[in-house]
Amino acid sequence: PAAPVVLGGRESAGMKQWYQRRVRGLDKKFENLYVGYGHKYTAENYSPPAPPATQEEYPSGAEVTEVPDPTVDEERALQAVQQEQLDREAEEAEMEEDDEDED
């Protein structure tokens, strides 16, 4: 096999600011290694901004507490009650329309 090629230093890449970089290659595979601060030299030290304050947990209450799912029978009973209510409201609306028509 071919001998590994080691490139590095200022001369290999022409990068005069970041000379701690090393590249190693063999055939079609290569590796890069960089040791440093990740940015060019500046007169001032970089300090990243502080992260935002931690949020408070959402208060627990009845409106956000999980409850078990209803059974199939409970769902059917609820649907029957809702359907009865809709039917009753429809009958009342019809009766009101009939009363208005008579006037």
PDB file of N, CA and C in Angstrom:
ATOM      1  N   PRO A   1       0.821  -1.201   0.000  1.00  0.00           N
ATOM      2  CA  PRO A   1       0.000   0.000   0.000  1.00  0.00           C
ATOM      3  C   PRO A   1       0.857   1.253   0.000  1.00  0.00           C
ATOM      4  N   ALA A   2       0.200   2.339  -0.362  1.00  0.00           N
ATOM      5  CA  ALA A   2       0.907   3.617  -0.425  1.00  0.00           C
ATOM      6  C   ALA A   2       1.239   4.098   0.977  1.00  0.00           C
ATOM      7  N   ALA A   3       2.324   4.824   1.074  1.00  0.00           N
ATOM      8  CA  ALA A   3       2.737   5.354   2.377  1.00  0.00           C
ATOM      9  C   ALA A   3       1.837   6.521   2.763  1.00  0.00           C
ATOM     10  N   PRO A   4       1.522   6.648   4.052  1.00  0.00           N
ATOM     11  CA  PRO A   4       0.677   7.767   4.479  1.00  0.00           C
ATOM     12  C   PRO A   4       1.356   9.099   4.199  1.00  0.00           C
ATOM     13  N   VAL A   5       0.568  10.077   3.833  1.00  0.00           N
ATOM     14  CA  VAL A   5       1.071  11.417   3.571  1.00  0.00           C
ATOM     15  C   VAL A   5       0.684  12.282   4.758  1.00  0.00           C
ATOM     16  N   VAL A   6       1.638  12.917   5.362  1.00  0.00           N
ATOM     17  CA  VAL A   6       1.350  13.786   6.500  1.00  0.00           C
ATOM     18  C   VAL A   6       1.623  15.210   6.069  1.00  0.00           C
ATOM     19  N   LEU A   7       0.575  16.030   6.178  1.00  0.00           N
ATOM     20  CA  LEU A   7       0.702  17.442   5.853  1.00  0.00           C
ATOM     21  C   LEU A   7       0.464  18.223   7.130  1.00  0.00           C
ATOM     22  N   GLY A   8       1.067  19.325   7.281  1.00  0.00           N
ATOM     23  CA  GLY A   8       0.800  20.122   8.471  1.00  0.00           C
ATOM     24  C   GLY A   8       1.712  21.316   8.532  1.00  0.00           C
ATOM     25  N   GLY A   9       1.494  22.132   9.516  1.00  0.00           N
ATOM     26  CA  GLY A   9       2.334  23.296   9.695  1.00  0.00           C
ATOM     27  C   GLY A   9       1.935  24.427   8.779  1.00  0.00           C
ATOM     28  N   ARG A  10       2.674  25.489   8.874  1.00  0.00           N
ATOM     29  CA  ARG A  10       2.371  26.684   8.105  1.00  0.00           C
ATOM     30  C   ARG A  10       2.530  26.465   6.603  1.00  0.00           C
ATOM     31  N   GLU A  11       3.552  25.717   6.222  1.00  0.00           N
ATOM     32  CA  GLU A  11       3.879  25.605   4.811  1.00  0.00           C
ATOM     33  C   GLU A  11       2.828  24.815   4.019  1.00  0.00           C
ATOM     34  N   SER A  12       2.206  23.809   4.652  1.00  0.00           N
ATOM     35  CA  SER A  12       1.345  22.908   3.888  1.00  0.00           C
ATOM     36  C   SER A  12       0.083  23.577   3.396  1.00  0.00           C
ATOM     37  N   ALA A  13      -0.548  24.414   4.209  1.00  0.00           N
ATOM     38  CA  ALA A  13      -1.831  24.968   3.811  1.00  0.00           C
ATOM     39  C   ALA A  13      -1.773  26.468   3.585  1.00  0.00           C
ATOM     40  N   GLY A  14      -0.696  27.073   3.941  1.00  0.00           N
ATOM     41  CA  GLY A  14      -0.599  28.514   3.769  1.00  0.00           C
ATOM     42  C   GLY A  14      -1.476  29.270   4.766  1.00  0.00           C
ATOM     43  N   MET A  15      -1.862  28.633   5.857  1.00  0.00           N
ATOM     44  CA  MET A  15      -2.718  29.266   6.845  1.00  0.00           C
ATOM     45  C   MET A  15      -1.801  29.763   7.963  1.00  0.00           C
ATOM     46  N   LYS A  16      -1.390  30.987   7.910  1.00  0.00           N
ATOM     47  CA  LYS A  16      -0.403  31.486   8.852  1.00  0.00           C
ATOM     48  C   LYS A  16      -0.993  31.740  10.239  1.00  0.00           C
ATOM     49  N   GLN A  17      -2.326  31.954  10.324  1.00  0.00           N
ATOM     50  CA  GLN A  17      -2.909  32.216  11.629  1.00  0.00           C
ATOM     51  C   GLN A  17      -3.127  30.922  12.412  1.00  0.00           C
ATOM     52  N   TRP A  18      -3.459  29.837  11.730  1.00  0.00           N
ATOM     53  CA  TRP A  18      -3.854  28.600  12.408  1.00  0.00           C
ATOM     54  C   TRP A  18      -2.876  27.489  12.040  1.00  0.00           C
ATOM     55  N   TYR A  19      -1.744  27.487  12.657  1.00  0.00           N
ATOM     56  CA  TYR A  19      -0.727  26.513  12.260  1.00  0.00           C
ATOM     57  C   TYR A  19      -0.761  25.250  13.100  1.00  0.00           C
ATOM     58  N   GLN A  20      -1.736  25.079  13.997  1.00  0.00           N
ATOM     59  CA  GLN A  20      -1.808  23.876  14.809  1.00  0.00           C
ATOM     60  C   GLN A  20      -2.604  22.773  14.105  1.00  0.00           C
ATOM     61  N   ARG A  21      -2.868  22.930  12.851  1.00  0.00           N
ATOM     62  CA  ARG A  21      -3.679  21.982  12.101  1.00  0.00           C
ATOM     63  C   ARG A  21      -2.805  20.892  11.506  1.00  0.00           C
ATOM     64  N   ARG A  22      -3.331  19.666  11.509  1.00  0.00           N
ATOM     65  CA  ARG A  22      -2.622  18.542  10.883  1.00  0.00           C
ATOM     66  C   ARG A  22      -3.604  17.777  10.015  1.00  0.00           C
ATOM     67  N   VAL A  23      -3.110  17.326   8.847  1.00  0.00           N
ATOM     68  CA  VAL A  23      -3.913  16.521   7.929  1.00  0.00           C
ATOM     69  C   VAL A  23      -3.125  15.266   7.627  1.00  0.00           C
ATOM     70  N   ARG A  24      -3.792  14.131   7.669  1.00  0.00           N
ATOM     71  CA  ARG A  24      -3.144  12.872   7.362  1.00  0.00           C
ATOM     72  C   ARG A  24      -4.000  12.161   6.326  1.00  0.00           C
ATOM     73  N   GLY A  25      -3.381  11.663   5.268  1.00  0.00           N
ATOM     74  CA  GLY A  25      -4.142  11.001   4.226  1.00  0.00           C
ATOM     75  C   GLY A  25      -3.497   9.722   3.765  1.00  0.00           C
ATOM     76  N   LEU A  26      -4.330   8.765   3.336  1.00  0.00           N
ATOM     77  CA  LEU A  26      -3.877   7.499   2.787  1.00  0.00           C
ATOM     78  C   LEU A  26      -4.886   7.101   1.731  1.00  0.00           C
ATOM     79  N   ASP A  27      -4.455   6.997   0.498  1.00  0.00           N
ATOM     80  CA  ASP A  27      -5.326   6.714  -0.639  1.00  0.00           C
ATOM     81  C   ASP A  27      -6.473   7.739  -0.672  1.00  0.00           C
ATOM     82  N   LYS A  28      -7.717   7.269  -0.537  1.00  0.00           N
ATOM     83  CA  LYS A  28      -8.852   8.195  -0.598  1.00  0.00           C
ATOM     84  C   LYS A  28      -9.386   8.568   0.782  1.00  0.00           C
ATOM     85  N   LYS A  29      -8.696   8.195   1.821  1.00  0.00           N
ATOM     86  CA  LYS A  29      -9.129   8.516   3.175  1.00  0.00           C
ATOM     87  C   LYS A  29      -8.195   9.571   3.755  1.00  0.00           C
ATOM     88  N   PHE A  30      -8.777  10.438   4.572  1.00  0.00           N
ATOM     89  CA  PHE A  30      -7.946  11.448   5.221  1.00  0.00           C
ATOM     90  C   PHE A  30      -8.551  11.820   6.563  1.00  0.00           C
ATOM     91  N   GLU A  31      -7.720  12.405   7.421  1.00  0.00           N
ATOM     92  CA  GLU A  31      -8.141  12.873   8.737  1.00  0.00           C
ATOM     93  C   GLU A  31      -7.627  14.288   8.921  1.00  0.00           C
ATOM     94  N   ASN A  32      -8.405  15.092   9.609  1.00  0.00           N
ATOM     95  CA  ASN A  32      -7.999  16.446   9.964  1.00  0.00           C
ATOM     96  C   ASN A  32      -7.979  16.558  11.472  1.00  0.00           C
ATOM     97  N   LEU A  33      -6.987  17.257  12.007  1.00  0.00           N
ATOM     98  CA  LEU A  33      -6.913  17.504  13.435  1.00  0.00           C
ATOM     99  C   LEU A  33      -6.531  18.960  13.631  1.00  0.00           C
ATOM    100  N   TYR A  34      -7.307  19.650  14.435  1.00  0.00           N
ATOM    101  CA  TYR A  34      -7.002  21.045  14.731  1.00  0.00           C
ATOM    102  C   TYR A  34      -6.984  21.206  16.244  1.00  0.00           C
ATOM    103  N   VAL A  35      -5.938  21.801  16.757  1.00  0.00           N
ATOM    104  CA  VAL A  35      -5.830  22.081  18.183  1.00  0.00           C
ATOM    105  C   VAL A  35      -5.661  23.583  18.312  1.00  0.00           C
ATOM    106  N   GLY A  36      -6.595  24.215  18.947  1.00  0.00           N
ATOM    107  CA  GLY A  36      -6.503  25.661  19.099  1.00  0.00           C
ATOM    108  C   GLY A  36      -7.798  26.232  19.627  1.00  0.00           C
ATOM    109  N   TYR A  37      -7.970  27.534  19.469  1.00  0.00           N
ATOM    110  CA  TYR A  37      -9.130  28.230  20.009  1.00  0.00           C
ATOM    111  C   TYR A  37     -10.285  28.318  19.017  1.00  0.00           C
ATOM    112  N   GLY A  38     -10.093  27.985  17.774  1.00  0.00           N
ATOM    113  CA  GLY A  38     -11.186  27.966  16.809  1.00  0.00           C
ATOM    114  C   GLY A  38     -11.456  29.288  16.133  1.00  0.00           C
ATOM    115  N   HIS A  39     -10.708  30.315  16.440  1.00  0.00           N
ATOM    116  CA  HIS A  39     -10.874  31.596  15.751  1.00  0.00           C
ATOM    117  C   HIS A  39      -9.534  32.324  15.759  1.00  0.00           C
ATOM    118  N   LYS A  40      -9.443  33.320  14.911  1.00  0.00           N
ATOM    119  CA  LYS A  40      -8.199  34.066  14.804  1.00  0.00           C
ATOM    120  C   LYS A  40      -7.902  34.805  16.109  1.00  0.00           C
ATOM    121  N   TYR A  41      -6.676  35.199  16.258  1.00  0.00           N
ATOM    122  CA  TYR A  41      -6.264  35.925  17.447  1.00  0.00           C
ATOM    123  C   TYR A  41      -6.964  37.274  17.508  1.00  0.00           C
ATOM    124  N   THR A  42      -7.447  37.629  18.680  1.00  0.00           N
ATOM    125  CA  THR A  42      -7.980  38.968  18.914  1.00  0.00           C
ATOM    126  C   THR A  42      -7.341  39.487  20.198  1.00  0.00           C
ATOM    127  N   ALA A  43      -7.276  40.784  20.324  1.00  0.00           N
ATOM    128  CA  ALA A  43      -6.653  41.382  21.499  1.00  0.00           C
ATOM    129  C   ALA A  43      -7.481  41.122  22.756  1.00  0.00           C
ATOM    130  N   GLU A  44      -8.792  40.994  22.600  1.00  0.00           N
ATOM    131  CA  GLU A  44      -9.664  40.757  23.758  1.00  0.00           C
ATOM    132  C   GLU A  44     -10.043  39.285  23.797  1.00  0.00           C
ATOM    133  N   ASN A  45     -10.172  38.752  24.969  1.00  0.00           N
ATOM    134  CA  ASN A  45     -10.633  37.376  25.105  1.00  0.00           C
ATOM    135  C   ASN A  45     -12.126  37.313  24.821  1.00  0.00           C
ATOM    136  N   TYR A  46     -12.550  36.248  24.186  1.00  0.00           N
ATOM    137  CA  TYR A  46     -13.974  36.077  23.889  1.00  0.00           C
ATOM    138  C   TYR A  46     -14.649  35.378  25.058  1.00  0.00           C
ATOM    139  N   SER A  47     -15.731  35.943  25.506  1.00  0.00           N
ATOM    140  CA  SER A  47     -16.559  35.307  26.536  1.00  0.00           C
ATOM    141  C   SER A  47     -17.965  35.202  25.972  1.00  0.00           C
ATOM    142  N   PRO A  48     -18.474  34.002  25.799  1.00  0.00           N
ATOM    143  CA  PRO A  48     -19.817  33.873  25.252  1.00  0.00           C
ATOM    144  C   PRO A  48     -20.844  34.449  26.224  1.00  0.00           C
ATOM    145  N   PRO A  49     -21.984  34.909  25.695  1.00  0.00           N
ATOM    146  CA  PRO A  49     -23.001  35.453  26.587  1.00  0.00           C
ATOM    147  C   PRO A  49     -23.549  34.368  27.508  1.00  0.00           C
ATOM    148  N   ALA A  50     -24.002  34.787  28.677  1.00  0.00           N
ATOM    149  CA  ALA A  50     -24.556  33.832  29.633  1.00  0.00           C
ATOM    150  C   ALA A  50     -25.862  33.267  29.092  1.00  0.00           C
ATOM    151  N   PRO A  51     -26.157  32.007  29.377  1.00  0.00           N
ATOM    152  CA  PRO A  51     -27.417  31.435  28.914  1.00  0.00           C
ATOM    153  C   PRO A  51     -28.591  32.097  29.633  1.00  0.00           C
ATOM    154  N   PRO A  52     -29.783  32.035  29.033  1.00  0.00           N
ATOM    155  CA  PRO A  52     -30.934  32.647  29.695  1.00  0.00           C
ATOM    156  C   PRO A  52     -31.246  31.934  31.008  1.00  0.00           C
ATOM    157  N   ALA A  53     -31.946  32.624  31.878  1.00  0.00           N
ATOM    158  CA  ALA A  53     -32.311  32.045  33.177  1.00  0.00           C
ATOM    159  C   ALA A  53     -33.203  30.825  32.963  1.00  0.00           C
ATOM    160  N   THR A  54     -33.101  29.882  33.876  1.00  0.00           N
ATOM    161  CA  THR A  54     -33.907  28.677  33.780  1.00  0.00           C
ATOM    162  C   THR A  54     -35.366  29.020  34.034  1.00  0.00           C
ATOM    163  N   GLN A  55     -36.248  28.462  33.222  1.00  0.00           N
ATOM    164  CA  GLN A  55     -37.664  28.734  33.395  1.00  0.00           C
ATOM    165  C   GLN A  55     -38.228  27.939  34.564  1.00  0.00           C
ATOM    166  N   GLU A  56     -39.220  28.533  35.192  1.00  0.00           N
ATOM    167  CA  GLU A  56     -39.919  27.844  36.267  1.00  0.00           C
ATOM    168  C   GLU A  56     -40.773  26.734  35.659  1.00  0.00           C
ATOM    169  N   GLU A  57     -41.006  25.688  36.421  1.00  0.00           N
ATOM    170  CA  GLU A  57     -41.882  24.629  35.934  1.00  0.00           C
ATOM    171  C   GLU A  57     -43.303  25.142  35.892  1.00  0.00           C
ATOM    172  N   TYR A  58     -44.062  24.636  34.922  1.00  0.00           N
ATOM    173  CA  TYR A  58     -45.451  25.052  34.793  1.00  0.00           C
ATOM    174  C   TYR A  58     -46.205  24.560  36.019  1.00  0.00           C
ATOM    175  N   PRO A  59     -47.031  25.416  36.624  1.00  0.00           N
ATOM    176  CA  PRO A  59     -47.738  24.984  37.832  1.00  0.00           C
ATOM    177  C   PRO A  59     -48.713  23.850  37.527  1.00  0.00           C
ATOM    178  N   SER A  60     -48.709  22.867  38.376  1.00  0.00           N
ATOM    179  CA  SER A  60     -49.621  21.745  38.192  1.00  0.00           C
ATOM    180  C   SER A  60     -50.984  22.124  38.730  1.00  0.00           C
ATOM    181  N   GLY A  61     -51.984  21.730  37.986  1.00  0.00           N
ATOM    182  CA  GLY A  61     -53.354  21.983  38.405  1.00  0.00           C
ATOM    183  C   GLY A  61     -54.265  20.993  37.708  1.00  0.00           C
ATOM    184  N   ALA A  62     -55.542  21.095  37.976  1.00  0.00           N
ATOM    185  CA  ALA A  62     -56.506  20.162  37.390  1.00  0.00           C
ATOM    186  C   ALA A  62     -56.532  20.269  35.868  1.00  0.00           C
ATOM    187  N   GLU A  63     -56.287  21.481  35.333  1.00  0.00           N
ATOM    188  CA  GLU A  63     -56.370  21.664  33.880  1.00  0.00           C
ATOM    189  C   GLU A  63     -55.191  21.059  33.131  1.00  0.00           C
ATOM    190  N   VAL A  64     -54.083  20.755  33.816  1.00  0.00           N
ATOM    191  CA  VAL A  64     -52.922  20.184  33.137  1.00  0.00           C
ATOM    192  C   VAL A  64     -52.548  18.799  33.641  1.00  0.00           C
ATOM    193  N   THR A  65     -53.294  18.266  34.577  1.00  0.00           N
ATOM    194  CA  THR A  65     -52.990  16.955  35.130  1.00  0.00           C
ATOM    195  C   THR A  65     -53.526  15.873  34.199  1.00  0.00           C
ATOM    196  N   GLU A  66     -52.729  14.881  33.951  1.00  0.00           N
ATOM    197  CA  GLU A  66     -53.162  13.794  33.083  1.00  0.00           C
ATOM    198  C   GLU A  66     -54.157  12.906  33.817  1.00  0.00           C
ATOM    199  N   VAL A  67     -55.135  12.431  33.063  1.00  0.00           N
ATOM    200  CA  VAL A  67     -56.127  11.510  33.615  1.00  0.00           C
ATOM    201  C   VAL A  67     -56.165  10.281  32.723  1.00  0.00           C
ATOM    202  N   PRO A  68     -56.588   9.152  33.242  1.00  0.00           N
ATOM    203  CA  PRO A  68     -56.656   7.955  32.409  1.00  0.00           C
ATOM    204  C   PRO A  68     -57.711   8.120  31.310  1.00  0.00           C
ATOM    205  N   ASP A  69     -57.466   7.471  30.186  1.00  0.00           N
ATOM    206  CA  ASP A  69     -58.417   7.516  29.083  1.00  0.00           C
ATOM    207  C   ASP A  69     -59.716   6.831  29.489  1.00  0.00           C
ATOM    208  N   PRO A  70     -60.840   7.339  28.968  1.00  0.00           N
ATOM    209  CA  PRO A  70     -62.107   6.691  29.283  1.00  0.00           C
ATOM    210  C   PRO A  70     -62.216   5.340  28.580  1.00  0.00           C
ATOM    211  N   THR A  71     -63.023   4.470  29.142  1.00  0.00           N
ATOM    212  CA  THR A  71     -63.245   3.174  28.505  1.00  0.00           C
ATOM    213  C   THR A  71     -64.182   3.375  27.323  1.00  0.00           C
ATOM    214  N   VAL A  72     -64.331   2.353  26.510  1.00  0.00           N
ATOM    215  CA  VAL A  72     -65.213   2.419  25.345  1.00  0.00           C
ATOM    216  C   VAL A  72     -66.652   2.667  25.797  1.00  0.00           C
ATOM    217  N   ASP A  73     -67.073   1.999  26.850  1.00  0.00           N
ATOM    218  CA  ASP A  73     -68.441   2.174  27.357  1.00  0.00           C
ATOM    219  C   ASP A  73     -68.670   3.607  27.834  1.00  0.00           C
ATOM    220  N   GLU A  74     -67.686   4.183  28.513  1.00  0.00           N
ATOM    221  CA  GLU A  74     -67.819   5.560  28.974  1.00  0.00           C
ATOM    222  C   GLU A  74     -67.907   6.528  27.802  1.00  0.00           C
ATOM    223  N   GLU A  75     -67.123   6.294  26.765  1.00  0.00           N
ATOM    224  CA  GLU A  75     -67.177   7.148  25.577  1.00  0.00           C
ATOM    225  C   GLU A  75     -68.535   7.058  24.901  1.00  0.00           C
ATOM    226  N   ARG A  76     -69.061   5.846  24.756  1.00  0.00           N
ATOM    227  CA  ARG A  76     -70.378   5.670  24.121  1.00  0.00           C
ATOM    228  C   ARG A  76     -71.471   6.356  24.941  1.00  0.00           C
ATOM    229  N   ALA A  77     -71.393   6.254  26.275  1.00  0.00           N
ATOM    230  CA  ALA A  77     -72.383   6.913  27.123  1.00  0.00           C
ATOM    231  C   ALA A  77     -72.309   8.428  26.950  1.00  0.00           C
ATOM    232  N   LEU A  78     -71.096   8.988  26.882  1.00  0.00           N
ATOM    233  CA  LEU A  78     -70.934  10.422  26.684  1.00  0.00           C
ATOM    234  C   LEU A  78     -71.488  10.845  25.323  1.00  0.00           C
ATOM    235  N   GLN A  79     -71.228  10.058  24.279  1.00  0.00           N
ATOM    236  CA  GLN A  79     -71.742  10.374  22.948  1.00  0.00           C
ATOM    237  C   GLN A  79     -73.263  10.348  22.939  1.00  0.00           C
ATOM    238  N   ALA A  80     -73.852   9.397  23.646  1.00  0.00           N
ATOM    239  CA  ALA A  80     -75.313   9.308  23.698  1.00  0.00           C
ATOM    240  C   ALA A  80     -75.897  10.540  24.385  1.00  0.00           C
ATOM    241  N   VAL A  81     -75.272  10.967  25.489  1.00  0.00           N
ATOM    242  CA  VAL A  81     -75.751  12.157  26.195  1.00  0.00           C
ATOM    243  C   VAL A  81     -75.612  13.384  25.301  1.00  0.00           C
ATOM    244  N   GLN A  82     -74.489  13.519  24.603  1.00  0.00           N
ATOM    245  CA  GLN A  82     -74.277  14.664  23.717  1.00  0.00           C
ATOM    246  C   GLN A  82     -75.283  14.663  22.567  1.00  0.00           C
ATOM    247  N   GLN A  83     -75.579  13.477  22.024  1.00  0.00           N
ATOM    248  CA  GLN A  83     -76.538  13.381  20.932  1.00  0.00           C
ATOM    249  C   GLN A  83     -77.937  13.777  21.412  1.00  0.00           C
ATOM    250  N   GLU A  84     -78.318  13.323  22.611  1.00  0.00           N
ATOM    251  CA  GLU A  84     -79.619  13.704  23.173  1.00  0.00           C
ATOM    252  C   GLU A  84     -79.713  15.217  23.337  1.00  0.00           C
ATOM    253  N   GLN A  85     -78.645  15.823  23.806  1.00  0.00           N
ATOM    254  CA  GLN A  85     -78.630  17.270  23.990  1.00  0.00           C
ATOM    255  C   GLN A  85     -78.780  17.983  22.646  1.00  0.00           C
ATOM    256  N   LEU A  86     -78.082  17.502  21.621  1.00  0.00           N
ATOM    257  CA  LEU A  86     -78.202  18.105  20.290  1.00  0.00           C
ATOM    258  C   LEU A  86     -79.619  17.964  19.752  1.00  0.00           C
ATOM    259  N   ASP A  87     -80.207  16.788  19.937  1.00  0.00           N
ATOM    260  CA  ASP A  87     -81.576  16.567  19.462  1.00  0.00           C
ATOM    261  C   ASP A  87     -82.544  17.513  20.176  1.00  0.00           C
ATOM    262  N   ARG A  88     -82.381  17.658  21.493  1.00  0.00           N
ATOM    263  CA  ARG A  88     -83.244  18.550  22.270  1.00  0.00           C
ATOM    264  C   ARG A  88     -83.107  19.989  21.780  1.00  0.00           C
ATOM    265  N   GLU A  89     -81.863  20.442  21.531  1.00  0.00           N
ATOM    266  CA  GLU A  89     -81.641  21.813  21.047  1.00  0.00           C
ATOM    267  C   GLU A  89     -82.250  22.005  19.664  1.00  0.00           C
ATOM    268  N   ALA A  90     -82.160  20.989  18.808  1.00  0.00           N
ATOM    269  CA  ALA A  90     -82.749  21.083  17.469  1.00  0.00           C
ATOM    270  C   ALA A  90     -84.266  21.182  17.567  1.00  0.00           C
ATOM    271  N   GLU A  91     -84.893  20.413  18.455  1.00  0.00           N
ATOM    272  CA  GLU A  91     -86.348  20.471  18.637  1.00  0.00           C
ATOM    273  C   GLU A  91     -86.765  21.845  19.140  1.00  0.00           C
ATOM    274  N   GLU A  92     -86.000  22.402  20.093  1.00  0.00           N
ATOM    275  CA  GLU A  92     -86.321  23.731  20.619  1.00  0.00           C
ATOM    276  C   GLU A  92     -86.207  24.783  19.531  1.00  0.00           C
ATOM    277  N   ALA A  93     -85.192  24.665  18.686  1.00  0.00           N
ATOM    278  CA  ALA A  93     -85.018  25.624  17.590  1.00  0.00           C
ATOM    279  C   ALA A  93     -86.179  25.514  16.607  1.00  0.00           C
ATOM    280  N   GLU A  94     -86.649  24.295  16.332  1.00  0.00           N
ATOM    281  CA  GLU A  94     -87.799  24.100  15.441  1.00  0.00           C
ATOM    282  C   GLU A  94     -89.053  24.723  16.030  1.00  0.00           C
ATOM    283  N   MET A  95     -89.244  24.523  17.334  1.00  0.00           N
ATOM    284  CA  MET A  95     -90.433  25.067  17.984  1.00  0.00           C
ATOM    285  C   MET A  95     -90.419  26.590  17.940  1.00  0.00           C
ATOM    286  N   GLU A  96     -89.235  27.192  18.112  1.00  0.00           N
ATOM    287  CA  GLU A  96     -89.130  28.650  18.046  1.00  0.00           C
ATOM    288  C   GLU A  96     -89.452  29.140  16.643  1.00  0.00           C
ATOM    289  N   GLU A  97     -88.981  28.423  15.619  1.00  0.00           N
ATOM    290  CA  GLU A  97     -89.275  28.808  14.235  1.00  0.00           C
ATOM    291  C   GLU A  97     -90.766  28.715  13.958  1.00  0.00           C
ATOM    292  N   ASP A  98     -91.418  27.651  14.462  1.00  0.00           N
ATOM    293  CA  ASP A  98     -92.856  27.496  14.258  1.00  0.00           C
ATOM    294  C   ASP A  98     -93.620  28.635  14.944  1.00  0.00           C
ATOM    295  N   ASP A  99     -93.187  29.016  16.144  1.00  0.00           N
ATOM    296  CA  ASP A  99     -93.834  30.113  16.855  1.00  0.00           C
ATOM    297  C   ASP A  99     -93.685  31.421  16.086  1.00  0.00           C
ATOM    298  N   GLU A 100     -92.525  31.654  15.494  1.00  0.00           N
ATOM    299  CA  GLU A 100     -92.301  32.874  14.718  1.00  0.00           C
ATOM    300  C   GLU A 100     -93.147  32.883  13.448  1.00  0.00           C
ATOM    301  N   ASP A 101     -93.306  31.707  12.824  1.00  0.00           N
ATOM    302  CA  ASP A 101     -94.107  31.604  11.605  1.00  0.00           C
ATOM    303  C   ASP A 101     -95.583  31.894  11.886  1.00  0.00           C
ATOM    304  N   GLU A 102     -96.074  31.483  13.048  1.00  0.00           N
ATOM    305  CA  GLU A 102     -97.478  31.702  13.397  1.00  0.00           C
ATOM    306  C   GLU A 102     -97.769  33.173  13.643  1.00  0.00           C
ATOM    307  N   ASP A 103     -96.772  33.921  14.090  1.00  0.00           N
ATOM    308  CA  ASP A 103     -96.999  35.342  14.380  1.00  0.00           C
ATOM    309  C   ASP A 103     -97.091  36.146  13.157  1.00  0.00           C
TER     310      ASP A 103
END
